[in-house]
Amino acid sequence: MAASGEPEAPTEPLDVACGLENVPVSVWPPGARPGPFQYSPDHVAGPGADADPSEITFPGCACLARPCVPGTCSCLRRQENYDEDARLRDLGPAARCAWPVFECNALCPCPGHCGNRVVQRGLQRPLQVFRTDGKGWGLRTLASIPRGRFVCEYAGEVLGFSEAQRRIRRQTEHDSNYIIAVREHVAGGRVMETFVDPARVGNVGRFLNHSCEPNLLMVPVRVDSMVPRLALFAARDISPGEELSYDYSGRFLNRSAGGEEGRPGGGKPRKPCYCGSASCAAFLPYDASLYRTPEKPAPGPEGEV
């Protein structure tokens, strides 16, 4: 009873996802609340984005009366992406490299339970945002997750390079950095870049901490367009109560990714890593390209720029 004699209104557990996911995302300890941000389960277009992530640009398959299988389904370019238990097939060093993953999309006539629709179904297991010791907020699972199963996306504002660089440079050593740069090496030596920032608009993935020995692996998955969904899969069997983490550098189970040495631009000190793993690198990874000073254009023939 309240002091006035009026009955107290029941307090609903806080759902960080605001009802926008299949399952609520709880917070621990009770009564605690992360800093304000706009929850979005999917990417949104931010400043400088080359494409609108919500736009459907891929054609659909023609698998109306038959299941989606390689050879007949246009969405399956090479092999089936997932096994019969919805686990990612190419996972770990044995895969040697990450093959492109294309799921069936909104224009495909196949049913919602199609085996090539996994990431787009969203959260399937209860997750919890919690206060960690020394790392601020973190994310953990409340249920067991088998190796290879989809866990969550890292969704936020999709930015152009200049905007991502501008936001990075405005940060102080005390600010959290949410911006991730994903680079995919494609045919002809080309590199496709995607910059995502969930600081202002994002999903539950924004609470994931870095680990030098993570239990999640990030894989770009395309559904409706060439803007990839940054899907996180279990790199091993994960037990209830375990903190979820991934390697911010992309080196984990990726033979081609390299690290950065020295300091970020402007002489800013490296941020320490508190993952506590046996192979901890002591500092958080950073993307040197986002700190580089833009090159000045060469002067013209008359000394004009």
C-alpha atoms as a PDB file:
ATOM      1  CA  MET A   1       0.000   0.000   0.000  1.00  0.00           C
ATOM      2  CA  ALA A   2       1.177   3.512  -0.723  1.00  0.00           C
ATOM      3  CA  ALA A   3       1.548   6.056   2.107  1.00  0.00           C
ATOM      4  CA  SER A   4      -1.700   7.727   1.061  1.00  0.00           C
ATOM      5  CA  GLY A   5      -3.591   4.480   1.487  1.00  0.00           C
ATOM      6  CA  GLU A   6      -4.043   4.071  -2.266  1.00  0.00           C
ATOM      7  CA  PRO A   7      -2.935   0.735  -3.737  1.00  0.00           C
ATOM      8  CA  GLU A   8       0.307   0.952  -5.666  1.00  0.00           C
ATOM      9  CA  ALA A   9       0.061   0.410  -9.403  1.00  0.00           C
ATOM     10  CA  PRO A  10       1.773  -2.813 -10.504  1.00  0.00           C
ATOM     11  CA  THR A  11       5.096  -2.152 -12.167  1.00  0.00           C
ATOM     12  CA  GLU A  12       5.690  -3.864 -15.488  1.00  0.00           C
ATOM     13  CA  PRO A  13       9.196  -5.183 -16.145  1.00  0.00           C
ATOM     14  CA  LEU A  14      11.071  -2.893 -18.494  1.00  0.00           C
ATOM     15  CA  ASP A  15      11.242  -4.159 -22.074  1.00  0.00           C
ATOM     16  CA  VAL A  16      14.179  -2.457 -23.781  1.00  0.00           C
ATOM     17  CA  ALA A  17      12.732  -3.508 -27.147  1.00  0.00           C
ATOM     18  CA  CYS A  18       9.464  -1.634 -26.468  1.00  0.00           C
ATOM     19  CA  GLY A  19       7.435  -4.599 -27.711  1.00  0.00           C
ATOM     20  CA  LEU A  20       9.060  -4.485 -31.163  1.00  0.00           C
ATOM     21  CA  GLU A  21      10.701  -7.924 -30.908  1.00  0.00           C
ATOM     22  CA  ASN A  22       9.188 -11.418 -30.723  1.00  0.00           C
ATOM     23  CA  VAL A  23      10.271 -11.694 -27.078  1.00  0.00           C
ATOM     24  CA  PRO A  24      10.809  -8.983 -24.439  1.00  0.00           C
ATOM     25  CA  VAL A  25      14.357  -7.850 -23.644  1.00  0.00           C
ATOM     26  CA  SER A  26      14.557  -7.449 -19.875  1.00  0.00           C
ATOM     27  CA  VAL A  27      16.925  -5.331 -17.764  1.00  0.00           C
ATOM     28  CA  TRP A  28      18.941  -6.213 -14.660  1.00  0.00           C
ATOM     29  CA  PRO A  29      18.995  -5.015 -11.943  1.00  0.00           C
ATOM     30  CA  PRO A  30      15.297  -4.198 -11.560  1.00  0.00           C
ATOM     31  CA  GLY A  31      14.619  -0.490 -11.747  1.00  0.00           C
ATOM     32  CA  ALA A  32      17.771   0.228 -13.754  1.00  0.00           C
ATOM     33  CA  ARG A  33      17.374   1.803 -17.170  1.00  0.00           C
ATOM     34  CA  PRO A  34      19.929   2.242 -19.985  1.00  0.00           C
ATOM     35  CA  GLY A  35      20.438   5.697 -21.473  1.00  0.00           C
ATOM     36  CA  PRO A  36      17.825   6.960 -23.938  1.00  0.00           C
ATOM     37  CA  PHE A  37      17.811   5.805 -27.558  1.00  0.00           C
ATOM     38  CA  GLN A  38      15.183   4.971 -30.172  1.00  0.00           C
ATOM     39  CA  TYR A  39      14.638   1.235 -30.517  1.00  0.00           C
ATOM     40  CA  SER A  40      14.487  -0.169 -34.048  1.00  0.00           C
ATOM     41  CA  PRO A  41      14.761  -3.895 -34.877  1.00  0.00           C
ATOM     42  CA  ASP A  42      16.023  -3.007 -38.361  1.00  0.00           C
ATOM     43  CA  HIS A  43      18.512  -0.663 -40.008  1.00  0.00           C
ATOM     44  CA  VAL A  44      17.381   2.860 -40.831  1.00  0.00           C
ATOM     45  CA  ALA A  45      18.891   5.234 -43.388  1.00  0.00           C
ATOM     46  CA  GLY A  46      21.251   7.755 -41.805  1.00  0.00           C
ATOM     47  CA  PRO A  47      23.200  10.719 -43.218  1.00  0.00           C
ATOM     48  CA  GLY A  48      25.163   9.871 -46.324  1.00  0.00           C
ATOM     49  CA  ALA A  49      23.725   6.383 -46.787  1.00  0.00           C
ATOM     50  CA  ASP A  50      23.962   5.184 -50.386  1.00  0.00           C
ATOM     51  CA  ALA A  51      20.727   3.194 -50.156  1.00  0.00           C
ATOM     52  CA  ASP A  52      17.594   2.987 -48.027  1.00  0.00           C
ATOM     53  CA  PRO A  53      17.829  -0.264 -46.006  1.00  0.00           C
ATOM     54  CA  SER A  54      14.025  -0.599 -45.967  1.00  0.00           C
ATOM     55  CA  GLU A  55      13.733  -0.550 -49.768  1.00  0.00           C
ATOM     56  CA  ILE A  56      13.112  -3.875 -51.534  1.00  0.00           C
ATOM     57  CA  THR A  57      15.360  -4.120 -54.577  1.00  0.00           C
ATOM     58  CA  PHE A  58      15.920  -7.891 -54.935  1.00  0.00           C
ATOM     59  CA  PRO A  59      13.554  -9.918 -57.115  1.00  0.00           C
ATOM     60  CA  GLY A  60      11.765 -12.836 -55.493  1.00  0.00           C
ATOM     61  CA  CYS A  61      12.289 -16.518 -56.237  1.00  0.00           C
ATOM     62  CA  ALA A  62       9.685 -18.656 -58.005  1.00  0.00           C
ATOM     63  CA  CYS A  63       9.422 -21.428 -55.398  1.00  0.00           C
ATOM     64  CA  LEU A  64       5.653 -21.546 -54.978  1.00  0.00           C
ATOM     65  CA  ALA A  65       4.928 -25.272 -55.227  1.00  0.00           C
ATOM     66  CA  ARG A  66       8.382 -26.599 -54.275  1.00  0.00           C
ATOM     67  CA  PRO A  67      10.831 -26.016 -51.403  1.00  0.00           C
ATOM     68  CA  CYS A  68      13.707 -23.581 -51.771  1.00  0.00           C
ATOM     69  CA  VAL A  69      16.785 -25.639 -52.642  1.00  0.00           C
ATOM     70  CA  PRO A  70      20.000 -24.881 -54.543  1.00  0.00           C
ATOM     71  CA  GLY A  71      19.616 -25.266 -58.277  1.00  0.00           C
ATOM     72  CA  THR A  72      15.989 -24.178 -58.427  1.00  0.00           C
ATOM     73  CA  CYS A  73      15.790 -21.275 -55.937  1.00  0.00           C
ATOM     74  CA  SER A  74      17.364 -18.048 -57.208  1.00  0.00           C
ATOM     75  CA  CYS A  75      18.027 -16.921 -53.625  1.00  0.00           C
ATOM     76  CA  LEU A  76      20.358 -19.880 -52.987  1.00  0.00           C
ATOM     77  CA  ARG A  77      23.365 -19.090 -55.144  1.00  0.00           C
ATOM     78  CA  ARG A  78      25.723 -21.823 -53.929  1.00  0.00           C
ATOM     79  CA  GLN A  79      24.302 -24.133 -51.268  1.00  0.00           C
ATOM     80  CA  GLU A  80      21.769 -24.112 -48.462  1.00  0.00           C
ATOM     81  CA  ASN A  81      22.621 -21.428 -45.919  1.00  0.00           C
ATOM     82  CA  TYR A  82      21.128 -23.238 -42.917  1.00  0.00           C
ATOM     83  CA  ASP A  83      20.668 -26.849 -41.837  1.00  0.00           C
ATOM     84  CA  GLU A  84      17.392 -28.460 -40.779  1.00  0.00           C
ATOM     85  CA  ASP A  85      17.759 -26.921 -37.286  1.00  0.00           C
ATOM     86  CA  ALA A  86      18.184 -23.368 -38.682  1.00  0.00           C
ATOM     87  CA  ARG A  87      21.898 -23.361 -37.869  1.00  0.00           C
ATOM     88  CA  LEU A  88      24.368 -21.573 -40.126  1.00  0.00           C
ATOM     89  CA  ARG A  89      26.250 -24.156 -42.192  1.00  0.00           C
ATOM     90  CA  ASP A  90      29.518 -22.304 -42.891  1.00  0.00           C
ATOM     91  CA  LEU A  91      30.835 -21.524 -39.430  1.00  0.00           C
ATOM     92  CA  GLY A  92      34.360 -21.536 -38.108  1.00  0.00           C
ATOM     93  CA  PRO A  93      37.858 -21.957 -39.598  1.00  0.00           C
ATOM     94  CA  ALA A  94      36.760 -24.979 -41.653  1.00  0.00           C
ATOM     95  CA  ALA A  95      34.729 -22.596 -43.818  1.00  0.00           C
ATOM     96  CA  ARG A  96      38.032 -20.820 -44.792  1.00  0.00           C
ATOM     97  CA  CYS A  97      36.054 -17.713 -45.833  1.00  0.00           C
ATOM     98  CA  ALA A  98      32.560 -16.348 -45.351  1.00  0.00           C
ATOM     99  CA  TRP A  99      30.356 -17.068 -48.349  1.00  0.00           C
ATOM    100  CA  PRO A 100      27.579 -14.605 -49.191  1.00  0.00           C
ATOM    101  CA  VAL A 101      24.291 -15.343 -47.453  1.00  0.00           C
ATOM    102  CA  PHE A 102      21.094 -14.375 -49.278  1.00  0.00           C
ATOM    103  CA  GLU A 103      17.747 -15.170 -47.671  1.00  0.00           C
ATOM    104  CA  CYS A 104      14.387 -15.319 -49.390  1.00  0.00           C
ATOM    105  CA  ASN A 105      12.721 -11.918 -49.312  1.00  0.00           C
ATOM    106  CA  ALA A 106       9.385 -10.123 -49.195  1.00  0.00           C
ATOM    107  CA  LEU A 107       8.728 -10.761 -52.896  1.00  0.00           C
ATOM    108  CA  CYS A 108       9.342 -14.510 -52.676  1.00  0.00           C
ATOM    109  CA  PRO A 109       6.181 -16.685 -52.750  1.00  0.00           C
ATOM    110  CA  CYS A 110       7.658 -19.308 -50.409  1.00  0.00           C
ATOM    111  CA  PRO A 111       6.052 -19.575 -46.938  1.00  0.00           C
ATOM    112  CA  GLY A 112       7.249 -17.879 -43.773  1.00  0.00           C
ATOM    113  CA  HIS A 113       8.581 -21.190 -42.430  1.00  0.00           C
ATOM    114  CA  CYS A 114      10.880 -21.590 -45.455  1.00  0.00           C
ATOM    115  CA  GLY A 115      14.279 -22.893 -44.351  1.00  0.00           C
ATOM    116  CA  ASN A 116      15.947 -19.925 -46.038  1.00  0.00           C
ATOM    117  CA  ARG A 117      14.204 -17.415 -43.755  1.00  0.00           C
ATOM    118  CA  VAL A 118      16.095 -17.217 -40.461  1.00  0.00           C
ATOM    119  CA  VAL A 119      17.579 -13.801 -39.663  1.00  0.00           C
ATOM    120  CA  GLN A 120      14.448 -11.997 -40.857  1.00  0.00           C
ATOM    121  CA  ARG A 121      12.376 -13.806 -38.212  1.00  0.00           C
ATOM    122  CA  GLY A 122      14.093 -11.768 -35.497  1.00  0.00           C
ATOM    123  CA  LEU A 123      14.796 -12.703 -31.875  1.00  0.00           C
ATOM    124  CA  GLN A 124      13.755 -16.202 -30.864  1.00  0.00           C
ATOM    125  CA  ARG A 125      15.371 -16.481 -27.415  1.00  0.00           C
ATOM    126  CA  PRO A 126      15.055 -14.248 -24.335  1.00  0.00           C
ATOM    127  CA  LEU A 127      17.941 -11.827 -23.870  1.00  0.00           C
ATOM    128  CA  GLN A 128      18.722  -9.473 -20.992  1.00  0.00           C
ATOM    129  CA  VAL A 129      20.554  -6.160 -20.798  1.00  0.00           C
ATOM    130  CA  PHE A 130      22.541  -6.053 -17.545  1.00  0.00           C
ATOM    131  CA  ARG A 131      25.131  -4.013 -15.690  1.00  0.00           C
ATOM    132  CA  THR A 132      28.573  -5.579 -15.962  1.00  0.00           C
ATOM    133  CA  ASP A 133      31.582  -5.179 -13.708  1.00  0.00           C
ATOM    134  CA  GLY A 134      33.707  -2.497 -15.349  1.00  0.00           C
ATOM    135  CA  LYS A 135      32.234  -2.576 -18.867  1.00  0.00           C
ATOM    136  CA  GLY A 136      29.020  -0.646 -18.446  1.00  0.00           C
ATOM    137  CA  TRP A 137      25.959  -2.339 -19.934  1.00  0.00           C
ATOM    138  CA  GLY A 138      26.197  -5.791 -21.471  1.00  0.00           C
ATOM    139  CA  LEU A 139      23.906  -8.384 -23.031  1.00  0.00           C
ATOM    140  CA  ARG A 140      23.369 -11.972 -21.930  1.00  0.00           C
ATOM    141  CA  THR A 141      21.148 -14.873 -22.859  1.00  0.00           C
ATOM    142  CA  LEU A 142      18.565 -16.330 -20.501  1.00  0.00           C
ATOM    143  CA  ALA A 143      18.317 -19.577 -22.477  1.00  0.00           C
ATOM    144  CA  SER A 144      20.784 -21.996 -24.020  1.00  0.00           C
ATOM    145  CA  ILE A 145      21.839 -21.271 -27.623  1.00  0.00           C
ATOM    146  CA  PRO A 146      23.259 -24.084 -29.796  1.00  0.00           C
ATOM    147  CA  ARG A 147      26.286 -23.428 -31.974  1.00  0.00           C
ATOM    148  CA  GLY A 148      25.327 -21.933 -35.330  1.00  0.00           C
ATOM    149  CA  ARG A 149      21.958 -20.546 -34.269  1.00  0.00           C
ATOM    150  CA  PHE A 150      21.041 -16.942 -35.028  1.00  0.00           C
ATOM    151  CA  VAL A 151      21.037 -14.740 -31.912  1.00  0.00           C
ATOM    152  CA  CYS A 152      20.410 -11.112 -32.884  1.00  0.00           C
ATOM    153  CA  GLU A 153      21.307  -8.386 -35.362  1.00  0.00           C
ATOM    154  CA  TYR A 154      23.500  -5.334 -34.946  1.00  0.00           C
ATOM    155  CA  ALA A 155      21.059  -2.766 -36.328  1.00  0.00           C
ATOM    156  CA  GLY A 156      21.262   1.010 -36.410  1.00  0.00           C
ATOM    157  CA  GLU A 157      21.709   3.995 -38.684  1.00  0.00           C
ATOM    158  CA  VAL A 158      23.437   3.123 -41.950  1.00  0.00           C
ATOM    159  CA  LEU A 159      25.910   5.954 -42.591  1.00  0.00           C
ATOM    160  CA  GLY A 160      28.095   7.215 -45.390  1.00  0.00           C
ATOM    161  CA  PHE A 161      31.853   7.163 -44.806  1.00  0.00           C
ATOM    162  CA  SER A 162      32.143  10.925 -44.197  1.00  0.00           C
ATOM    163  CA  GLU A 163      29.401  10.902 -41.558  1.00  0.00           C
ATOM    164  CA  ALA A 164      30.899   7.865 -39.822  1.00  0.00           C
ATOM    165  CA  GLN A 165      34.272   9.608 -39.776  1.00  0.00           C
ATOM    166  CA  ARG A 166      32.730  12.839 -38.456  1.00  0.00           C
ATOM    167  CA  ARG A 167      31.019  11.030 -35.585  1.00  0.00           C
ATOM    168  CA  ILE A 168      34.143   9.078 -34.670  1.00  0.00           C
ATOM    169  CA  ARG A 169      36.247  12.235 -34.530  1.00  0.00           C
ATOM    170  CA  ARG A 170      33.796  13.959 -32.206  1.00  0.00           C
ATOM    171  CA  GLN A 171      34.135  11.229 -29.605  1.00  0.00           C
ATOM    172  CA  THR A 172      36.216  11.648 -26.479  1.00  0.00           C
ATOM    173  CA  GLU A 173      38.102   8.845 -24.752  1.00  0.00           C
ATOM    174  CA  HIS A 174      35.191   8.580 -22.298  1.00  0.00           C
ATOM    175  CA  ASP A 175      32.509   8.103 -24.966  1.00  0.00           C
ATOM    176  CA  SER A 176      31.253   4.687 -25.984  1.00  0.00           C
ATOM    177  CA  ASN A 177      31.817   3.879 -29.645  1.00  0.00           C
ATOM    178  CA  TYR A 178      28.964   2.046 -31.339  1.00  0.00           C
ATOM    179  CA  ILE A 179      30.054   2.591 -34.963  1.00  0.00           C
ATOM    180  CA  ILE A 180      31.055  -0.541 -36.831  1.00  0.00           C
ATOM    181  CA  ALA A 181      32.696  -0.685 -40.244  1.00  0.00           C
ATOM    182  CA  VAL A 182      32.099  -3.886 -42.214  1.00  0.00           C
ATOM    183  CA  ARG A 183      34.207  -4.523 -45.305  1.00  0.00           C
ATOM    184  CA  GLU A 184      33.407  -7.326 -47.718  1.00  0.00           C
ATOM    185  CA  HIS A 185      35.889  -8.394 -50.389  1.00  0.00           C
ATOM    186  CA  VAL A 186      34.105  -9.242 -53.627  1.00  0.00           C
ATOM    187  CA  ALA A 187      35.047 -10.223 -57.174  1.00  0.00           C
ATOM    188  CA  GLY A 188      37.604  -8.124 -59.011  1.00  0.00           C
ATOM    189  CA  GLY A 189      39.337  -6.992 -55.837  1.00  0.00           C
ATOM    190  CA  ARG A 190      36.519  -4.599 -54.956  1.00  0.00           C
ATOM    191  CA  VAL A 191      35.604  -3.881 -51.342  1.00  0.00           C
ATOM    192  CA  MET A 192      32.051  -3.143 -50.214  1.00  0.00           C
ATOM    193  CA  GLU A 193      31.831  -0.983 -47.086  1.00  0.00           C
ATOM    194  CA  THR A 194      28.934  -0.671 -44.652  1.00  0.00           C
ATOM    195  CA  PHE A 195      28.971   1.708 -41.663  1.00  0.00           C
ATOM    196  CA  VAL A 196      26.375   1.249 -38.917  1.00  0.00           C
ATOM    197  CA  ASP A 197      25.843   3.360 -35.792  1.00  0.00           C
ATOM    198  CA  PRO A 198      23.185   2.251 -33.239  1.00  0.00           C
ATOM    199  CA  ALA A 199      23.988   5.000 -30.711  1.00  0.00           C
ATOM    200  CA  ARG A 200      20.839   7.057 -31.401  1.00  0.00           C
ATOM    201  CA  VAL A 201      18.676   4.515 -33.235  1.00  0.00           C
ATOM    202  CA  GLY A 202      19.388   0.829 -32.819  1.00  0.00           C
ATOM    203  CA  ASN A 203      18.429  -2.556 -31.457  1.00  0.00           C
ATOM    204  CA  VAL A 204      19.566  -4.852 -28.660  1.00  0.00           C
ATOM    205  CA  GLY A 205      22.868  -5.497 -30.475  1.00  0.00           C
ATOM    206  CA  ARG A 206      24.107  -2.074 -29.310  1.00  0.00           C
ATOM    207  CA  PHE A 207      24.656  -3.559 -25.822  1.00  0.00           C
ATOM    208  CA  LEU A 208      27.085  -6.265 -26.993  1.00  0.00           C
ATOM    209  CA  ASN A 209      30.598  -5.902 -25.604  1.00  0.00           C
ATOM    210  CA  HIS A 210      33.851  -6.815 -27.324  1.00  0.00           C
ATOM    211  CA  SER A 211      35.780  -9.948 -26.434  1.00  0.00           C
ATOM    212  CA  CYS A 212      39.071 -11.258 -27.773  1.00  0.00           C
ATOM    213  CA  GLU A 213      37.524 -14.752 -27.387  1.00  0.00           C
ATOM    214  CA  PRO A 214      33.867 -14.081 -28.257  1.00  0.00           C
ATOM    215  CA  ASN A 215      30.957 -16.486 -28.397  1.00  0.00           C
ATOM    216  CA  LEU A 216      29.283 -14.770 -31.367  1.00  0.00           C
ATOM    217  CA  LEU A 217      30.299 -14.411 -35.009  1.00  0.00           C
ATOM    218  CA  MET A 218      29.029 -11.562 -37.211  1.00  0.00           C
ATOM    219  CA  VAL A 219      27.919 -12.489 -40.745  1.00  0.00           C
ATOM    220  CA  PRO A 220      26.474 -10.042 -43.319  1.00  0.00           C
ATOM    221  CA  VAL A 221      23.119 -11.454 -44.463  1.00  0.00           C
ATOM    222  CA  ARG A 222      21.141  -9.928 -47.328  1.00  0.00           C
ATOM    223  CA  VAL A 223      17.373 -10.202 -47.506  1.00  0.00           C
ATOM    224  CA  ASP A 224      15.625  -7.434 -49.452  1.00  0.00           C
ATOM    225  CA  SER A 225      18.568  -5.453 -50.837  1.00  0.00           C
ATOM    226  CA  MET A 226      22.355  -5.173 -51.010  1.00  0.00           C
ATOM    227  CA  VAL A 227      22.382  -3.395 -47.634  1.00  0.00           C
ATOM    228  CA  PRO A 228      23.469  -6.264 -45.364  1.00  0.00           C
ATOM    229  CA  ARG A 229      21.874  -7.195 -42.089  1.00  0.00           C
ATOM    230  CA  LEU A 230      24.707  -7.671 -39.592  1.00  0.00           C
ATOM    231  CA  ALA A 231      23.623 -11.005 -38.137  1.00  0.00           C
ATOM    232  CA  LEU A 232      25.275 -12.529 -35.082  1.00  0.00           C
ATOM    233  CA  PHE A 233      25.386 -16.320 -34.770  1.00  0.00           C
ATOM    234  CA  ALA A 234      26.529 -18.504 -31.876  1.00  0.00           C
ATOM    235  CA  ALA A 235      30.162 -19.499 -32.491  1.00  0.00           C
ATOM    236  CA  ARG A 236      29.810 -22.274 -29.913  1.00  0.00           C
ATOM    237  CA  ASP A 237      27.189 -23.669 -27.576  1.00  0.00           C
ATOM    238  CA  ILE A 238      26.209 -20.891 -25.147  1.00  0.00           C
ATOM    239  CA  SER A 239      24.772 -21.531 -21.679  1.00  0.00           C
ATOM    240  CA  PRO A 240      21.989 -19.564 -19.939  1.00  0.00           C
ATOM    241  CA  GLY A 241      23.381 -16.546 -18.082  1.00  0.00           C
ATOM    242  CA  GLU A 242      26.472 -16.172 -20.303  1.00  0.00           C
ATOM    243  CA  GLU A 243      27.360 -12.698 -21.522  1.00  0.00           C
ATOM    244  CA  LEU A 244      27.180 -12.406 -25.305  1.00  0.00           C
ATOM    245  CA  SER A 245      30.108 -10.809 -27.131  1.00  0.00           C
ATOM    246  CA  TYR A 246      31.771 -10.507 -30.507  1.00  0.00           C
ATOM    247  CA  ASP A 247      35.147  -9.360 -31.795  1.00  0.00           C
ATOM    248  CA  TYR A 248      34.861  -5.709 -32.864  1.00  0.00           C
ATOM    249  CA  SER A 249      37.839  -6.140 -35.203  1.00  0.00           C
ATOM    250  CA  GLY A 250      36.322  -8.956 -37.252  1.00  0.00           C
ATOM    251  CA  ARG A 251      39.460 -11.086 -36.773  1.00  0.00           C
ATOM    252  CA  PHE A 252      37.643 -13.881 -34.941  1.00  0.00           C
ATOM    253  CA  LEU A 253      37.446 -16.927 -37.280  1.00  0.00           C
ATOM    254  CA  ASN A 254      38.394 -14.621 -40.165  1.00  0.00           C
ATOM    255  CA  ARG A 255      41.758 -15.338 -41.755  1.00  0.00           C
ATOM    256  CA  SER A 256      41.891 -12.218 -43.902  1.00  0.00           C
ATOM    257  CA  ALA A 257      41.175  -9.531 -41.296  1.00  0.00           C
ATOM    258  CA  GLY A 258      44.113  -7.627 -39.861  1.00  0.00           C
ATOM    259  CA  GLY A 259      44.584  -5.556 -36.753  1.00  0.00           C
ATOM    260  CA  GLU A 260      45.629  -1.960 -36.279  1.00  0.00           C
ATOM    261  CA  GLU A 261      48.653  -0.863 -34.329  1.00  0.00           C
ATOM    262  CA  GLY A 262      49.539   2.400 -32.617  1.00  0.00           C
ATOM    263  CA  ARG A 263      47.060   5.087 -31.724  1.00  0.00           C
ATOM    264  CA  PRO A 264      43.954   6.426 -33.426  1.00  0.00           C
ATOM    265  CA  GLY A 265      44.242   9.753 -35.228  1.00  0.00           C
ATOM    266  CA  GLY A 266      44.811  12.897 -33.211  1.00  0.00           C
ATOM    267  CA  GLY A 267      46.967  11.016 -30.710  1.00  0.00           C
ATOM    268  CA  LYS A 268      43.900   9.736 -28.848  1.00  0.00           C
ATOM    269  CA  PRO A 269      44.820   6.934 -26.437  1.00  0.00           C
ATOM    270  CA  ARG A 270      43.621   3.407 -27.135  1.00  0.00           C
ATOM    271  CA  LYS A 271      40.705   2.262 -24.993  1.00  0.00           C
ATOM    272  CA  PRO A 272      41.538  -0.653 -22.669  1.00  0.00           C
ATOM    273  CA  CYS A 273      39.868  -4.036 -23.164  1.00  0.00           C
ATOM    274  CA  TYR A 274      38.283  -5.623 -20.097  1.00  0.00           C
ATOM    275  CA  CYS A 275      37.144  -8.903 -21.668  1.00  0.00           C
ATOM    276  CA  GLY A 276      39.358 -10.926 -19.311  1.00  0.00           C
ATOM    277  CA  SER A 277      40.047 -13.710 -21.834  1.00  0.00           C
ATOM    278  CA  ALA A 278      43.342 -15.595 -21.881  1.00  0.00           C
ATOM    279  CA  SER A 279      44.207 -14.075 -25.266  1.00  0.00           C
ATOM    280  CA  CYS A 280      43.145 -10.511 -24.402  1.00  0.00           C
ATOM    281  CA  ALA A 281      44.950  -7.939 -26.545  1.00  0.00           C
ATOM    282  CA  ALA A 282      44.727  -5.359 -23.711  1.00  0.00           C
ATOM    283  CA  PHE A 283      43.150  -2.702 -25.969  1.00  0.00           C
ATOM    284  CA  LEU A 284      39.916  -2.452 -27.928  1.00  0.00           C
ATOM    285  CA  PRO A 285      40.252  -2.657 -31.713  1.00  0.00           C
ATOM    286  CA  TYR A 286      39.773   0.473 -33.790  1.00  0.00           C
ATOM    287  CA  ASP A 287      39.400   1.266 -37.486  1.00  0.00           C
ATOM    288  CA  ALA A 288      42.305   3.501 -38.547  1.00  0.00           C
ATOM    289  CA  SER A 289      40.553   4.583 -41.768  1.00  0.00           C
ATOM    290  CA  LEU A 290      37.950   6.494 -39.771  1.00  0.00           C
ATOM    291  CA  TYR A 291      40.666   8.597 -38.121  1.00  0.00           C
ATOM    292  CA  ARG A 292      42.667   9.523 -41.201  1.00  0.00           C
ATOM    293  CA  THR A 293      42.779  13.159 -42.257  1.00  0.00           C
ATOM    294  CA  PRO A 294      41.253  13.620 -45.718  1.00  0.00           C
ATOM    295  CA  GLU A 295      43.870  14.301 -48.375  1.00  0.00           C
ATOM    296  CA  LYS A 296      43.873  17.814 -49.821  1.00  0.00           C
ATOM    297  CA  PRO A 297      43.319  17.961 -53.579  1.00  0.00           C
ATOM    298  CA  ALA A 298      46.422  18.617 -55.677  1.00  0.00           C
ATOM    299  CA  PRO A 299      46.794  22.226 -56.926  1.00  0.00           C
ATOM    300  CA  GLY A 300      45.828  22.944 -60.539  1.00  0.00           C
ATOM    301  CA  PRO A 301      48.162  24.173 -63.269  1.00  0.00           C
ATOM    302  CA  GLU A 302      47.845  27.785 -62.118  1.00  0.00           C
ATOM    303  CA  GLY A 303      48.156  26.951 -58.480  1.00  0.00           C
ATOM    304  CA  GLU A 304      44.372  26.749 -58.028  1.00  0.00           C
ATOM    305  CA  VAL A 305      42.818  23.986 -55.982  1.00  0.00           C
END
